[in-house]
Amino acid sequence: NLAGMATKASTAAKEEVKPEKTVFELKLLSYEAASKIKVIKEVRGFTDLGLKEAKDIVEKTPSIIKKGVSKEEGEQIIEKLKALGANVVME
């Protein structure tokens, strides 16, 4: 019975575990107004952006502040920004 075999094959394909994501984006959701300048400086520190570009990204929350980061690097950046009062997620 070919129909039964096709159903089993599609079920097996659905059960395959997706490889764990290794590259992430960091998204700045919000930050405390009092620490805006510190957040901008930190964003400049881990990107190659100039002051104006970093300021624009920080002011346009939610915004992607860094792409293509490893989980470890992302967690380090998130810790630094959270210490400054920013809300950042890794996607």
PDB file of N, CA and C in Angstrom:
ATOM      1  N   ASN A   1       0.851  -1.171   0.000  1.00  0.00           N
ATOM      2  CA  ASN A   1       0.000   0.000   0.000  1.00  0.00           C
ATOM      3  C   ASN A   1       0.902   1.241   0.000  1.00  0.00           C
ATOM      4  N   LEU A   2       0.944   1.915  -1.127  1.00  0.00           N
ATOM      5  CA  LEU A   2       1.813   3.082  -1.280  1.00  0.00           C
ATOM      6  C   LEU A   2       1.343   4.268  -0.451  1.00  0.00           C
ATOM      7  N   ALA A   3       0.053   4.440  -0.308  1.00  0.00           N
ATOM      8  CA  ALA A   3      -0.464   5.577   0.463  1.00  0.00           C
ATOM      9  C   ALA A   3      -0.012   5.471   1.918  1.00  0.00           C
ATOM     10  N   GLY A   4      -0.035   4.289   2.475  1.00  0.00           N
ATOM     11  CA  GLY A   4       0.389   4.084   3.855  1.00  0.00           C
ATOM     12  C   GLY A   4       1.865   4.369   4.028  1.00  0.00           C
ATOM     13  N   MET A   5       2.675   3.969   3.042  1.00  0.00           N
ATOM     14  CA  MET A   5       4.113   4.218   3.117  1.00  0.00           C
ATOM     15  C   MET A   5       4.415   5.716   3.026  1.00  0.00           C
ATOM     16  N   ALA A   6       3.686   6.418   2.179  1.00  0.00           N
ATOM     17  CA  ALA A   6       3.904   7.857   2.025  1.00  0.00           C
ATOM     18  C   ALA A   6       3.552   8.585   3.316  1.00  0.00           C
ATOM     19  N   THR A   7       2.490   8.147   3.969  1.00  0.00           N
ATOM     20  CA  THR A   7       2.080   8.772   5.223  1.00  0.00           C
ATOM     21  C   THR A   7       3.146   8.559   6.288  1.00  0.00           C
ATOM     22  N   LYS A   8       3.684   7.343   6.365  1.00  0.00           N
ATOM     23  CA  LYS A   8       4.731   7.064   7.350  1.00  0.00           C
ATOM     24  C   LYS A   8       5.974   7.908   7.077  1.00  0.00           C
ATOM     25  N   ALA A   9       6.319   8.066   5.813  1.00  0.00           N
ATOM     26  CA  ALA A   9       7.503   8.843   5.455  1.00  0.00           C
ATOM     27  C   ALA A   9       7.321  10.308   5.831  1.00  0.00           C
ATOM     28  N   SER A  10       6.143  10.863   5.580  1.00  0.00           N
ATOM     29  CA  SER A  10       5.935  12.273   5.903  1.00  0.00           C
ATOM     30  C   SER A  10       5.901  12.473   7.414  1.00  0.00           C
ATOM     31  N   THR A  11       5.387  11.504   8.155  1.00  0.00           N
ATOM     32  CA  THR A  11       5.369  11.596   9.610  1.00  0.00           C
ATOM     33  C   THR A  11       6.797  11.574  10.145  1.00  0.00           C
ATOM     34  N   ALA A  12       7.636  10.723   9.594  1.00  0.00           N
ATOM     35  CA  ALA A  12       9.026  10.629  10.034  1.00  0.00           C
ATOM     36  C   ALA A  12       9.755  11.941   9.750  1.00  0.00           C
ATOM     37  N   ALA A  13       9.473  12.550   8.617  1.00  0.00           N
ATOM     38  CA  ALA A  13      10.128  13.807   8.264  1.00  0.00           C
ATOM     39  C   ALA A  13       9.745  14.908   9.248  1.00  0.00           C
ATOM     40  N   LYS A  14       8.500  14.915   9.687  1.00  0.00           N
ATOM     41  CA  LYS A  14       8.041  15.936  10.627  1.00  0.00           C
ATOM     42  C   LYS A  14       8.694  15.769  11.997  1.00  0.00           C
ATOM     43  N   GLU A  15       9.076  14.554  12.336  1.00  0.00           N
ATOM     44  CA  GLU A  15       9.643  14.289  13.651  1.00  0.00           C
ATOM     45  C   GLU A  15      11.133  14.611  13.731  1.00  0.00           C
ATOM     46  N   GLU A  16      11.754  14.897  12.588  1.00  0.00           N
ATOM     47  CA  GLU A  16      13.175  15.229  12.599  1.00  0.00           C
ATOM     48  C   GLU A  16      13.387  16.482  13.439  1.00  0.00           C
ATOM     49  N   VAL A  17      14.410  16.449  14.259  1.00  0.00           N
ATOM     50  CA  VAL A  17      14.703  17.589  15.115  1.00  0.00           C
ATOM     51  C   VAL A  17      15.441  18.631  14.290  1.00  0.00           C
ATOM     52  N   LYS A  18      14.986  19.862  14.386  1.00  0.00           N
ATOM     53  CA  LYS A  18      15.659  20.940  13.665  1.00  0.00           C
ATOM     54  C   LYS A  18      16.993  21.210  14.356  1.00  0.00           C
ATOM     55  N   PRO A  19      18.028  21.514  13.577  1.00  0.00           N
ATOM     56  CA  PRO A  19      19.313  21.812  14.210  1.00  0.00           C
ATOM     57  C   PRO A  19      19.183  23.046  15.097  1.00  0.00           C
ATOM     58  N   GLU A  20      19.923  23.043  16.191  1.00  0.00           N
ATOM     59  CA  GLU A  20      19.854  24.170  17.114  1.00  0.00           C
ATOM     60  C   GLU A  20      20.395  25.418  16.437  1.00  0.00           C
ATOM     61  N   LYS A  21      19.702  26.508  16.630  1.00  0.00           N
ATOM     62  CA  LYS A  21      20.098  27.772  16.023  1.00  0.00           C
ATOM     63  C   LYS A  21      21.426  28.223  16.626  1.00  0.00           C
ATOM     64  N   THR A  22      22.353  28.638  15.766  1.00  0.00           N
ATOM     65  CA  THR A  22      23.670  29.040  16.255  1.00  0.00           C
ATOM     66  C   THR A  22      23.963  30.514  15.997  1.00  0.00           C
ATOM     67  N   VAL A  23      23.176  31.148  15.134  1.00  0.00           N
ATOM     68  CA  VAL A  23      23.392  32.556  14.816  1.00  0.00           C
ATOM     69  C   VAL A  23      22.124  33.326  15.175  1.00  0.00           C
ATOM     70  N   PHE A  24      22.292  34.422  15.888  1.00  0.00           N
ATOM     71  CA  PHE A  24      21.145  35.156  16.406  1.00  0.00           C
ATOM     72  C   PHE A  24      21.212  36.637  16.054  1.00  0.00           C
ATOM     73  N   GLU A  25      20.076  37.301  16.252  1.00  0.00           N
ATOM     74  CA  GLU A  25      19.993  38.754  16.153  1.00  0.00           C
ATOM     75  C   GLU A  25      19.652  39.280  17.537  1.00  0.00           C
ATOM     76  N   LEU A  26      20.172  40.438  17.860  1.00  0.00           N
ATOM     77  CA  LEU A  26      19.822  41.081  19.124  1.00  0.00           C
ATOM     78  C   LEU A  26      18.873  42.228  18.828  1.00  0.00           C
ATOM     79  N   LYS A  27      17.758  42.245  19.534  1.00  0.00           N
ATOM     80  CA  LYS A  27      16.759  43.286  19.326  1.00  0.00           C
ATOM     81  C   LYS A  27      16.604  44.102  20.602  1.00  0.00           C
ATOM     82  N   LEU A  28      16.784  45.399  20.464  1.00  0.00           N
ATOM     83  CA  LEU A  28      16.577  46.327  21.574  1.00  0.00           C
ATOM     84  C   LEU A  28      15.098  46.672  21.607  1.00  0.00           C
ATOM     85  N   LEU A  29      14.427  46.311  22.694  1.00  0.00           N
ATOM     86  CA  LEU A  29      12.996  46.568  22.821  1.00  0.00           C
ATOM     87  C   LEU A  29      12.717  47.904  23.495  1.00  0.00           C
ATOM     88  N   SER A  30      13.482  48.212  24.529  1.00  0.00           N
ATOM     89  CA  SER A  30      13.276  49.464  25.256  1.00  0.00           C
ATOM     90  C   SER A  30      14.496  49.740  26.127  1.00  0.00           C
ATOM     91  N   TYR A  31      14.520  50.926  26.702  1.00  0.00           N
ATOM     92  CA  TYR A  31      15.604  51.296  27.611  1.00  0.00           C
ATOM     93  C   TYR A  31      15.105  52.418  28.507  1.00  0.00           C
ATOM     94  N   GLU A  32      15.774  52.584  29.626  1.00  0.00           N
ATOM     95  CA  GLU A  32      15.431  53.675  30.539  1.00  0.00           C
ATOM     96  C   GLU A  32      15.935  54.984  29.938  1.00  0.00           C
ATOM     97  N   ALA A  33      15.087  55.986  29.945  1.00  0.00           N
ATOM     98  CA  ALA A  33      15.447  57.277  29.347  1.00  0.00           C
ATOM     99  C   ALA A  33      16.725  57.851  29.956  1.00  0.00           C
ATOM    100  N   ALA A  34      16.905  57.653  31.247  1.00  0.00           N
ATOM    101  CA  ALA A  34      18.078  58.203  31.931  1.00  0.00           C
ATOM    102  C   ALA A  34      19.385  57.573  31.446  1.00  0.00           C
ATOM    103  N   SER A  35      19.311  56.371  30.891  1.00  0.00           N
ATOM    104  CA  SER A  35      20.545  55.693  30.469  1.00  0.00           C
ATOM    105  C   SER A  35      20.700  55.644  28.951  1.00  0.00           C
ATOM    106  N   LYS A  36      19.965  56.484  28.242  1.00  0.00           N
ATOM    107  CA  LYS A  36      20.006  56.491  26.773  1.00  0.00           C
ATOM    108  C   LYS A  36      21.427  56.668  26.237  1.00  0.00           C
ATOM    109  N   ILE A  37      22.163  57.627  26.760  1.00  0.00           N
ATOM    110  CA  ILE A  37      23.516  57.896  26.260  1.00  0.00           C
ATOM    111  C   ILE A  37      24.427  56.700  26.514  1.00  0.00           C
ATOM    112  N   LYS A  38      24.307  56.076  27.677  1.00  0.00           N
ATOM    113  CA  LYS A  38      25.117  54.897  27.988  1.00  0.00           C
ATOM    114  C   LYS A  38      24.780  53.746  27.048  1.00  0.00           C
ATOM    115  N   VAL A  39      23.486  53.571  26.742  1.00  0.00           N
ATOM    116  CA  VAL A  39      23.067  52.507  25.823  1.00  0.00           C
ATOM    117  C   VAL A  39      23.640  52.774  24.434  1.00  0.00           C
ATOM    118  N   ILE A  40      23.576  54.015  23.979  1.00  0.00           N
ATOM    119  CA  ILE A  40      24.137  54.374  22.664  1.00  0.00           C
ATOM    120  C   ILE A  40      25.636  54.069  22.633  1.00  0.00           C
ATOM    121  N   LYS A  41      26.354  54.435  23.687  1.00  0.00           N
ATOM    122  CA  LYS A  41      27.804  54.164  23.747  1.00  0.00           C
ATOM    123  C   LYS A  41      28.079  52.666  23.693  1.00  0.00           C
ATOM    124  N   GLU A  42      27.276  51.889  24.404  1.00  0.00           N
ATOM    125  CA  GLU A  42      27.465  50.433  24.416  1.00  0.00           C
ATOM    126  C   GLU A  42      27.190  49.842  23.032  1.00  0.00           C
ATOM    127  N   VAL A  43      26.130  50.312  22.372  1.00  0.00           N
ATOM    128  CA  VAL A  43      25.810  49.834  21.017  1.00  0.00           C
ATOM    129  C   VAL A  43      26.968  50.161  20.079  1.00  0.00           C
ATOM    130  N   ARG A  44      27.512  51.346  20.194  1.00  0.00           N
ATOM    131  CA  ARG A  44      28.672  51.712  19.365  1.00  0.00           C
ATOM    132  C   ARG A  44      29.860  50.809  19.657  1.00  0.00           C
ATOM    133  N   GLY A  45      29.987  50.379  20.916  1.00  0.00           N
ATOM    134  CA  GLY A  45      31.118  49.555  21.318  1.00  0.00           C
ATOM    135  C   GLY A  45      31.161  48.193  20.646  1.00  0.00           C
ATOM    136  N   PHE A  46      30.007  47.589  20.373  1.00  0.00           N
ATOM    137  CA  PHE A  46      30.023  46.259  19.759  1.00  0.00           C
ATOM    138  C   PHE A  46      29.557  46.265  18.304  1.00  0.00           C
ATOM    139  N   THR A  47      29.381  47.460  17.729  1.00  0.00           N
ATOM    140  CA  THR A  47      29.095  47.576  16.298  1.00  0.00           C
ATOM    141  C   THR A  47      30.132  48.521  15.709  1.00  0.00           C
ATOM    142  N   ASP A  48      30.118  48.644  14.404  1.00  0.00           N
ATOM    143  CA  ASP A  48      31.031  49.589  13.752  1.00  0.00           C
ATOM    144  C   ASP A  48      30.302  50.874  13.384  1.00  0.00           C
ATOM    145  N   LEU A  49      29.234  51.176  14.118  1.00  0.00           N
ATOM    146  CA  LEU A  49      28.418  52.334  13.787  1.00  0.00           C
ATOM    147  C   LEU A  49      29.006  53.618  14.353  1.00  0.00           C
ATOM    148  N   GLY A  50      28.731  54.702  13.643  1.00  0.00           N
ATOM    149  CA  GLY A  50      29.094  56.015  14.148  1.00  0.00           C
ATOM    150  C   GLY A  50      28.064  56.459  15.174  1.00  0.00           C
ATOM    151  N   LEU A  51      28.303  57.603  15.770  1.00  0.00           N
ATOM    152  CA  LEU A  51      27.412  58.108  16.817  1.00  0.00           C
ATOM    153  C   LEU A  51      25.986  58.300  16.309  1.00  0.00           C
ATOM    154  N   LYS A  52      25.827  58.925  15.144  1.00  0.00           N
ATOM    155  CA  LYS A  52      24.487  59.197  14.620  1.00  0.00           C
ATOM    156  C   LYS A  52      23.734  57.906  14.319  1.00  0.00           C
ATOM    157  N   GLU A  53      24.403  56.943  13.683  1.00  0.00           N
ATOM    158  CA  GLU A  53      23.751  55.677  13.343  1.00  0.00           C
ATOM    159  C   GLU A  53      23.330  54.922  14.596  1.00  0.00           C
ATOM    160  N   ALA A  54      24.218  54.869  15.585  1.00  0.00           N
ATOM    161  CA  ALA A  54      23.899  54.175  16.836  1.00  0.00           C
ATOM    162  C   ALA A  54      22.736  54.868  17.544  1.00  0.00           C
ATOM    163  N   LYS A  55      22.751  56.193  17.555  1.00  0.00           N
ATOM    164  CA  LYS A  55      21.677  56.966  18.188  1.00  0.00           C
ATOM    165  C   LYS A  55      20.350  56.685  17.485  1.00  0.00           C
ATOM    166  N   ASP A  56      20.356  56.668  16.148  1.00  0.00           N
ATOM    167  CA  ASP A  56      19.129  56.400  15.383  1.00  0.00           C
ATOM    168  C   ASP A  56      18.564  55.025  15.710  1.00  0.00           C
ATOM    169  N   ILE A  57      19.428  54.015  15.781  1.00  0.00           N
ATOM    170  CA  ILE A  57      18.969  52.655  16.083  1.00  0.00           C
ATOM    171  C   ILE A  57      18.372  52.590  17.483  1.00  0.00           C
ATOM    172  N   VAL A  58      19.044  53.187  18.450  1.00  0.00           N
ATOM    173  CA  VAL A  58      18.562  53.150  19.833  1.00  0.00           C
ATOM    174  C   VAL A  58      17.224  53.884  19.955  1.00  0.00           C
ATOM    175  N   GLU A  59      17.088  55.004  19.265  1.00  0.00           N
ATOM    176  CA  GLU A  59      15.854  55.782  19.366  1.00  0.00           C
ATOM    177  C   GLU A  59      14.676  55.133  18.652  1.00  0.00           C
ATOM    178  N   LYS A  60      14.934  54.255  17.708  1.00  0.00           N
ATOM    179  CA  LYS A  60      13.852  53.633  16.933  1.00  0.00           C
ATOM    180  C   LYS A  60      13.520  52.239  17.453  1.00  0.00           C
ATOM    181  N   THR A  61      13.402  52.097  18.756  1.00  0.00           N
ATOM    182  CA  THR A  61      13.068  50.792  19.323  1.00  0.00           C
ATOM    183  C   THR A  61      11.638  50.434  18.977  1.00  0.00           C
ATOM    184  N   PRO A  62      11.305  49.173  18.782  1.00  0.00           N
ATOM    185  CA  PRO A  62      12.233  48.040  18.793  1.00  0.00           C
ATOM    186  C   PRO A  62      13.073  48.014  17.519  1.00  0.00           C
ATOM    187  N   SER A  63      14.341  47.700  17.663  1.00  0.00           N
ATOM    188  CA  SER A  63      15.232  47.660  16.509  1.00  0.00           C
ATOM    189  C   SER A  63      16.307  46.603  16.699  1.00  0.00           C
ATOM    190  N   ILE A  64      16.750  46.056  15.567  1.00  0.00           N
ATOM    191  CA  ILE A  64      17.841  45.077  15.578  1.00  0.00           C
ATOM    192  C   ILE A  64      19.138  45.858  15.794  1.00  0.00           C
ATOM    193  N   ILE A  65      19.860  45.504  16.846  1.00  0.00           N
ATOM    194  CA  ILE A  65      21.102  46.231  17.129  1.00  0.00           C
ATOM    195  C   ILE A  65      22.341  45.464  16.695  1.00  0.00           C
ATOM    196  N   LYS A  66      22.198  44.150  16.486  1.00  0.00           N
ATOM    197  CA  LYS A  66      23.339  43.370  15.992  1.00  0.00           C
ATOM    198  C   LYS A  66      22.815  42.080  15.389  1.00  0.00           C
ATOM    199  N   LYS A  67      23.362  41.714  14.226  1.00  0.00           N
ATOM    200  CA  LYS A  67      22.983  40.472  13.540  1.00  0.00           C
ATOM    201  C   LYS A  67      24.173  39.534  13.500  1.00  0.00           C
ATOM    202  N   GLY A  68      23.867  38.245  13.385  1.00  0.00           N
ATOM    203  CA  GLY A  68      24.914  37.250  13.196  1.00  0.00           C
ATOM    204  C   GLY A  68      25.795  37.020  14.404  1.00  0.00           C
ATOM    205  N   VAL A  69      25.218  37.083  15.602  1.00  0.00           N
ATOM    206  CA  VAL A  69      26.022  36.852  16.805  1.00  0.00           C
ATOM    207  C   VAL A  69      25.830  35.430  17.310  1.00  0.00           C
ATOM    208  N   SER A  70      26.854  34.903  17.944  1.00  0.00           N
ATOM    209  CA  SER A  70      26.739  33.589  18.572  1.00  0.00           C
ATOM    210  C   SER A  70      25.928  33.747  19.851  1.00  0.00           C
ATOM    211  N   LYS A  71      25.463  32.624  20.376  1.00  0.00           N
ATOM    212  CA  LYS A  71      24.677  32.667  21.611  1.00  0.00           C
ATOM    213  C   LYS A  71      25.499  33.266  22.753  1.00  0.00           C
ATOM    214  N   GLU A  72      26.768  32.861  22.856  1.00  0.00           N
ATOM    215  CA  GLU A  72      27.625  33.344  23.936  1.00  0.00           C
ATOM    216  C   GLU A  72      27.844  34.855  23.833  1.00  0.00           C
ATOM    217  N   GLU A  73      28.184  35.316  22.629  1.00  0.00           N
ATOM    218  CA  GLU A  73      28.419  36.749  22.431  1.00  0.00           C
ATOM    219  C   GLU A  73      27.139  37.538  22.703  1.00  0.00           C
ATOM    220  N   GLY A  74      26.022  37.015  22.224  1.00  0.00           N
ATOM    221  CA  GLY A  74      24.739  37.679  22.439  1.00  0.00           C
ATOM    222  C   GLY A  74      24.400  37.810  23.905  1.00  0.00           C
ATOM    223  N   GLU A  75      24.647  36.745  24.666  1.00  0.00           N
ATOM    224  CA  GLU A  75      24.346  36.779  26.102  1.00  0.00           C
ATOM    225  C   GLU A  75      25.219  37.804  26.828  1.00  0.00           C
ATOM    226  N   GLN A  76      26.475  37.926  26.407  1.00  0.00           N
ATOM    227  CA  GLN A  76      27.371  38.914  27.029  1.00  0.00           C
ATOM    228  C   GLN A  76      26.883  40.337  26.760  1.00  0.00           C
ATOM    229  N   ILE A  77      26.486  40.591  25.518  1.00  0.00           N
ATOM    230  CA  ILE A  77      25.999  41.926  25.154  1.00  0.00           C
ATOM    231  C   ILE A  77      24.702  42.237  25.899  1.00  0.00           C
ATOM    232  N   ILE A  78      23.808  41.252  25.972  1.00  0.00           N
ATOM    233  CA  ILE A  78      22.538  41.446  26.677  1.00  0.00           C
ATOM    234  C   ILE A  78      22.788  41.788  28.143  1.00  0.00           C
ATOM    235  N   GLU A  79      23.729  41.081  28.776  1.00  0.00           N
ATOM    236  CA  GLU A  79      24.043  41.358  30.185  1.00  0.00           C
ATOM    237  C   GLU A  79      24.501  42.807  30.371  1.00  0.00           C
ATOM    238  N   LYS A  80      25.387  43.265  29.479  1.00  0.00           N
ATOM    239  CA  LYS A  80      25.894  44.634  29.584  1.00  0.00           C
ATOM    240  C   LYS A  80      24.764  45.646  29.424  1.00  0.00           C
ATOM    241  N   LEU A  81      23.900  45.412  28.433  1.00  0.00           N
ATOM    242  CA  LEU A  81      22.822  46.363  28.177  1.00  0.00           C
ATOM    243  C   LEU A  81      21.759  46.330  29.275  1.00  0.00           C
ATOM    244  N   LYS A  82      21.481  45.135  29.806  1.00  0.00           N
ATOM    245  CA  LYS A  82      20.504  45.044  30.901  1.00  0.00           C
ATOM    246  C   LYS A  82      21.014  45.785  32.133  1.00  0.00           C
ATOM    247  N   ALA A  83      22.316  45.752  32.356  1.00  0.00           N
ATOM    248  CA  ALA A  83      22.900  46.477  33.485  1.00  0.00           C
ATOM    249  C   ALA A  83      22.697  47.982  33.332  1.00  0.00           C
ATOM    250  N   LEU A  84      22.509  48.430  32.094  1.00  0.00           N
ATOM    251  CA  LEU A  84      22.275  49.850  31.825  1.00  0.00           C
ATOM    252  C   LEU A  84      20.785  50.192  31.799  1.00  0.00           C
ATOM    253  N   GLY A  85      19.932  49.196  32.036  1.00  0.00           N
ATOM    254  CA  GLY A  85      18.494  49.450  32.055  1.00  0.00           C
ATOM    255  C   GLY A  85      17.803  49.222  30.726  1.00  0.00           C
ATOM    256  N   ALA A  86      18.452  48.499  29.814  1.00  0.00           N
ATOM    257  CA  ALA A  86      17.852  48.222  28.510  1.00  0.00           C
ATOM    258  C   ALA A  86      17.177  46.854  28.519  1.00  0.00           C
ATOM    259  N   ASN A  87      16.149  46.712  27.690  1.00  0.00           N
ATOM    260  CA  ASN A  87      15.449  45.446  27.527  1.00  0.00           C
ATOM    261  C   ASN A  87      15.816  44.914  26.147  1.00  0.00           C
ATOM    262  N   VAL A  88      16.607  43.837  26.115  1.00  0.00           N
ATOM    263  CA  VAL A  88      17.125  43.284  24.864  1.00  0.00           C
ATOM    264  C   VAL A  88      16.770  41.807  24.794  1.00  0.00           C
ATOM    265  N   VAL A  89      16.404  41.336  23.588  1.00  0.00           N
ATOM    266  CA  VAL A  89      16.122  39.917  23.398  1.00  0.00           C
ATOM    267  C   VAL A  89      16.987  39.377  22.270  1.00  0.00           C
ATOM    268  N   MET A  90      17.227  38.068  22.337  1.00  0.00           N
ATOM    269  CA  MET A  90      17.987  37.382  21.298  1.00  0.00           C
ATOM    270  C   MET A  90      16.999  36.557  20.497  1.00  0.00           C
ATOM    271  N   GLU A  91      17.021  36.724  19.188  1.00  0.00           N
ATOM    272  CA  GLU A  91      16.092  35.983  18.319  1.00  0.00           C
ATOM    273  C   GLU A  91      16.856  35.165  17.309  1.00  0.00           C
TER     274      GLU A  91
END
